[in-house]
Amino acid sequence: MSNVKNYTEQGGEKTVIGGTLEIVEGGQVVGLPSAFTPAAFQADSTATTIAGLVVDFNTLLAKLKVAGLMAAE
């Protein structure tokens, strides 16, 4: 083991990140499976009443839940 937070073990089979891994603009992580699913499109609200806004907001919440971006309960 090393006395630094981030290091690659001898042989290069294992890299330990004990600090912060920062990926700057244009950087990429390749080979990791992604569990991210974008939510379905939600149009901007044109509601003119509170009741209409509640409907639009609840529609947005439902889409976030279906996409797995928000817990259902």
N, C-alpha and C. Protein backbone atom coordinates (compact mmCIF):
# COMPACT_ATOMS: atom_id res chain seq x y z
N MET A 1 0.84 -1.18 0.00
CA MET A 1 0.00 0.00 0.00
C MET A 1 0.88 1.24 0.00
N SER A 2 0.38 2.30 -0.54
CA SER A 2 1.11 3.54 -0.68
C SER A 2 0.66 4.55 0.38
N ASN A 3 1.42 5.62 0.55
CA ASN A 3 1.02 6.66 1.49
C ASN A 3 0.26 7.80 0.81
N VAL A 4 -0.17 7.59 -0.41
CA VAL A 4 -0.98 8.57 -1.12
C VAL A 4 -2.40 8.03 -1.29
N LYS A 5 -3.35 8.94 -1.51
CA LYS A 5 -4.76 8.51 -1.61
C LYS A 5 -5.07 7.82 -2.93
N ASN A 6 -4.45 8.26 -4.01
CA ASN A 6 -4.73 7.70 -5.33
C ASN A 6 -3.48 7.01 -5.84
N TYR A 7 -3.59 5.73 -6.20
CA TYR A 7 -2.42 5.02 -6.68
C TYR A 7 -2.84 3.81 -7.50
N THR A 8 -1.92 3.35 -8.33
CA THR A 8 -2.09 2.12 -9.08
C THR A 8 -1.13 1.10 -8.51
N GLU A 9 -1.66 -0.07 -8.17
CA GLU A 9 -0.82 -1.12 -7.60
C GLU A 9 0.12 -1.68 -8.65
N GLN A 10 1.21 -2.27 -8.19
CA GLN A 10 2.21 -2.83 -9.08
C GLN A 10 1.54 -3.83 -10.02
N GLY A 11 1.85 -3.72 -11.27
CA GLY A 11 1.25 -4.59 -12.28
C GLY A 11 0.08 -3.92 -12.99
N GLY A 12 -0.43 -2.86 -12.43
CA GLY A 12 -1.47 -2.08 -13.08
C GLY A 12 -2.86 -2.68 -13.08
N GLU A 13 -3.09 -3.75 -12.32
CA GLU A 13 -4.39 -4.41 -12.32
C GLU A 13 -5.42 -3.69 -11.45
N LYS A 14 -4.96 -2.85 -10.54
CA LYS A 14 -5.89 -2.19 -9.61
C LYS A 14 -5.45 -0.76 -9.37
N THR A 15 -6.39 0.17 -9.53
CA THR A 15 -6.15 1.58 -9.20
C THR A 15 -7.08 1.95 -8.06
N VAL A 16 -6.55 2.58 -7.05
CA VAL A 16 -7.32 2.97 -5.88
C VAL A 16 -7.51 4.48 -5.90
N ILE A 17 -8.76 4.91 -5.78
CA ILE A 17 -9.07 6.33 -5.70
C ILE A 17 -9.56 6.59 -4.29
N GLY A 18 -8.71 7.18 -3.47
CA GLY A 18 -9.08 7.51 -2.10
C GLY A 18 -9.38 8.99 -1.96
N GLY A 19 -9.07 9.73 -2.99
CA GLY A 19 -9.35 11.16 -3.03
C GLY A 19 -10.51 11.41 -3.98
N THR A 20 -10.44 12.48 -4.70
CA THR A 20 -11.50 12.85 -5.65
C THR A 20 -11.05 12.54 -7.07
N LEU A 21 -11.92 11.91 -7.83
CA LEU A 21 -11.68 11.68 -9.25
C LEU A 21 -12.49 12.73 -9.99
N GLU A 22 -11.82 13.62 -10.66
CA GLU A 22 -12.50 14.70 -11.38
C GLU A 22 -12.35 14.46 -12.87
N ILE A 23 -13.47 14.43 -13.58
CA ILE A 23 -13.45 14.28 -15.03
C ILE A 23 -13.84 15.64 -15.59
N VAL A 24 -12.90 16.28 -16.27
CA VAL A 24 -13.13 17.62 -16.78
C VAL A 24 -13.90 17.58 -18.09
N GLU A 25 -14.38 18.73 -18.51
CA GLU A 25 -15.15 18.83 -19.74
C GLU A 25 -14.39 18.20 -20.90
N GLY A 26 -15.07 17.34 -21.62
CA GLY A 26 -14.45 16.63 -22.73
C GLY A 26 -13.87 15.29 -22.34
N GLY A 27 -13.71 15.05 -21.03
CA GLY A 27 -13.20 13.77 -20.57
C GLY A 27 -14.26 12.69 -20.67
N GLN A 28 -13.85 11.46 -20.70
CA GLN A 28 -14.78 10.35 -20.85
C GLN A 28 -14.41 9.20 -19.93
N VAL A 29 -15.42 8.47 -19.51
CA VAL A 29 -15.21 7.20 -18.83
C VAL A 29 -15.74 6.14 -19.79
N VAL A 30 -14.90 5.20 -20.15
CA VAL A 30 -15.26 4.21 -21.15
C VAL A 30 -15.34 2.84 -20.48
N GLY A 31 -16.37 2.08 -20.84
CA GLY A 31 -16.45 0.70 -20.40
C GLY A 31 -17.31 0.45 -19.19
N LEU A 32 -17.84 1.50 -18.56
CA LEU A 32 -18.70 1.28 -17.41
C LEU A 32 -20.15 1.16 -17.86
N PRO A 33 -20.86 0.19 -17.33
CA PRO A 33 -22.29 0.12 -17.66
C PRO A 33 -23.01 1.32 -17.06
N SER A 34 -23.98 1.82 -17.78
CA SER A 34 -24.72 2.98 -17.31
C SER A 34 -26.14 2.58 -16.97
N ALA A 35 -26.56 2.91 -15.77
CA ALA A 35 -27.93 2.63 -15.35
C ALA A 35 -28.82 3.85 -15.52
N PHE A 36 -28.27 4.91 -16.11
CA PHE A 36 -29.02 6.15 -16.27
C PHE A 36 -30.00 6.03 -17.42
N THR A 37 -31.26 6.34 -17.14
CA THR A 37 -32.30 6.38 -18.16
C THR A 37 -32.93 7.76 -18.11
N PRO A 38 -32.85 8.50 -19.18
CA PRO A 38 -33.47 9.82 -19.16
C PRO A 38 -34.98 9.70 -18.99
N ALA A 39 -35.56 10.68 -18.33
CA ALA A 39 -37.01 10.74 -18.19
C ALA A 39 -37.62 11.15 -19.52
N ALA A 40 -38.86 10.78 -19.74
CA ALA A 40 -39.57 11.17 -20.95
C ALA A 40 -39.70 12.70 -20.99
N PHE A 41 -39.79 13.24 -22.17
CA PHE A 41 -39.91 14.69 -22.35
C PHE A 41 -41.13 15.23 -21.62
N GLN A 42 -40.95 16.36 -20.99
CA GLN A 42 -42.05 17.07 -20.34
C GLN A 42 -42.06 18.48 -20.89
N ALA A 43 -43.12 18.83 -21.56
CA ALA A 43 -43.23 20.18 -22.12
C ALA A 43 -43.33 21.22 -21.01
N ASP A 44 -42.89 22.43 -21.30
CA ASP A 44 -43.04 23.53 -20.35
C ASP A 44 -44.52 23.70 -20.01
N SER A 45 -44.77 24.01 -18.77
CA SER A 45 -46.14 24.21 -18.34
C SER A 45 -46.70 25.51 -18.92
N THR A 46 -47.93 25.43 -19.37
CA THR A 46 -48.65 26.63 -19.81
C THR A 46 -49.87 26.84 -18.94
N ALA A 47 -49.84 26.23 -17.76
CA ALA A 47 -50.98 26.30 -16.84
C ALA A 47 -51.25 27.75 -16.45
N THR A 48 -52.51 28.06 -16.34
CA THR A 48 -52.93 29.40 -15.92
C THR A 48 -53.64 29.36 -14.57
N THR A 49 -53.77 28.15 -14.03
CA THR A 49 -54.38 28.00 -12.71
C THR A 49 -53.49 27.10 -11.86
N ILE A 50 -53.67 27.17 -10.56
CA ILE A 50 -52.93 26.29 -9.67
C ILE A 50 -53.29 24.83 -9.95
N ALA A 51 -54.55 24.57 -10.19
CA ALA A 51 -54.97 23.19 -10.49
C ALA A 51 -54.28 22.66 -11.73
N GLY A 52 -54.15 23.49 -12.75
CA GLY A 52 -53.46 23.08 -13.97
C GLY A 52 -51.98 22.84 -13.73
N LEU A 53 -51.38 23.67 -12.89
CA LEU A 53 -49.98 23.50 -12.56
C LEU A 53 -49.76 22.20 -11.78
N VAL A 54 -50.70 21.87 -10.89
CA VAL A 54 -50.59 20.62 -10.14
C VAL A 54 -50.61 19.43 -11.09
N VAL A 55 -51.47 19.47 -12.09
CA VAL A 55 -51.53 18.38 -13.08
C VAL A 55 -50.19 18.26 -13.80
N ASP A 56 -49.64 19.39 -14.26
CA ASP A 56 -48.36 19.36 -14.97
C ASP A 56 -47.24 18.83 -14.07
N PHE A 57 -47.23 19.28 -12.83
CA PHE A 57 -46.19 18.86 -11.90
C PHE A 57 -46.29 17.37 -11.59
N ASN A 58 -47.50 16.87 -11.38
CA ASN A 58 -47.68 15.44 -11.11
C ASN A 58 -47.31 14.59 -12.32
N THR A 59 -47.53 15.11 -13.52
CA THR A 59 -47.10 14.42 -14.73
C THR A 59 -45.58 14.30 -14.77
N LEU A 60 -44.91 15.39 -14.42
CA LEU A 60 -43.44 15.37 -14.35
C LEU A 60 -42.95 14.36 -13.32
N LEU A 61 -43.55 14.35 -12.14
CA LEU A 61 -43.15 13.40 -11.11
C LEU A 61 -43.34 11.96 -11.59
N ALA A 62 -44.44 11.69 -12.26
CA ALA A 62 -44.70 10.34 -12.77
C ALA A 62 -43.62 9.92 -13.77
N LYS A 63 -43.21 10.84 -14.64
CA LYS A 63 -42.17 10.52 -15.62
C LYS A 63 -40.83 10.26 -14.96
N LEU A 64 -40.52 11.00 -13.90
CA LEU A 64 -39.27 10.78 -13.17
C LEU A 64 -39.29 9.40 -12.50
N LYS A 65 -40.43 9.02 -11.97
CA LYS A 65 -40.55 7.70 -11.34
C LYS A 65 -40.42 6.57 -12.35
N VAL A 66 -41.06 6.70 -13.50
CA VAL A 66 -40.99 5.67 -14.52
C VAL A 66 -39.55 5.50 -15.02
N ALA A 67 -38.81 6.61 -15.12
CA ALA A 67 -37.42 6.56 -15.58
C ALA A 67 -36.47 6.03 -14.50
N GLY A 68 -36.97 5.86 -13.29
CA GLY A 68 -36.13 5.37 -12.21
C GLY A 68 -35.27 6.45 -11.58
N LEU A 69 -35.60 7.70 -11.83
CA LEU A 69 -34.84 8.82 -11.28
C LEU A 69 -35.39 9.29 -9.96
N MET A 70 -36.53 8.73 -9.56
CA MET A 70 -37.16 9.05 -8.29
C MET A 70 -37.83 7.79 -7.77
N ALA A 71 -37.68 7.54 -6.47
CA ALA A 71 -38.33 6.37 -5.88
C ALA A 71 -39.85 6.52 -5.98
N ALA A 72 -40.53 5.41 -6.25
CA ALA A 72 -41.98 5.45 -6.39
C ALA A 72 -42.68 5.73 -5.06
N GLU A 73 -42.11 5.27 -3.98
CA GLU A 73 -42.69 5.53 -2.65
C GLU A 73 -41.59 5.72 -1.66
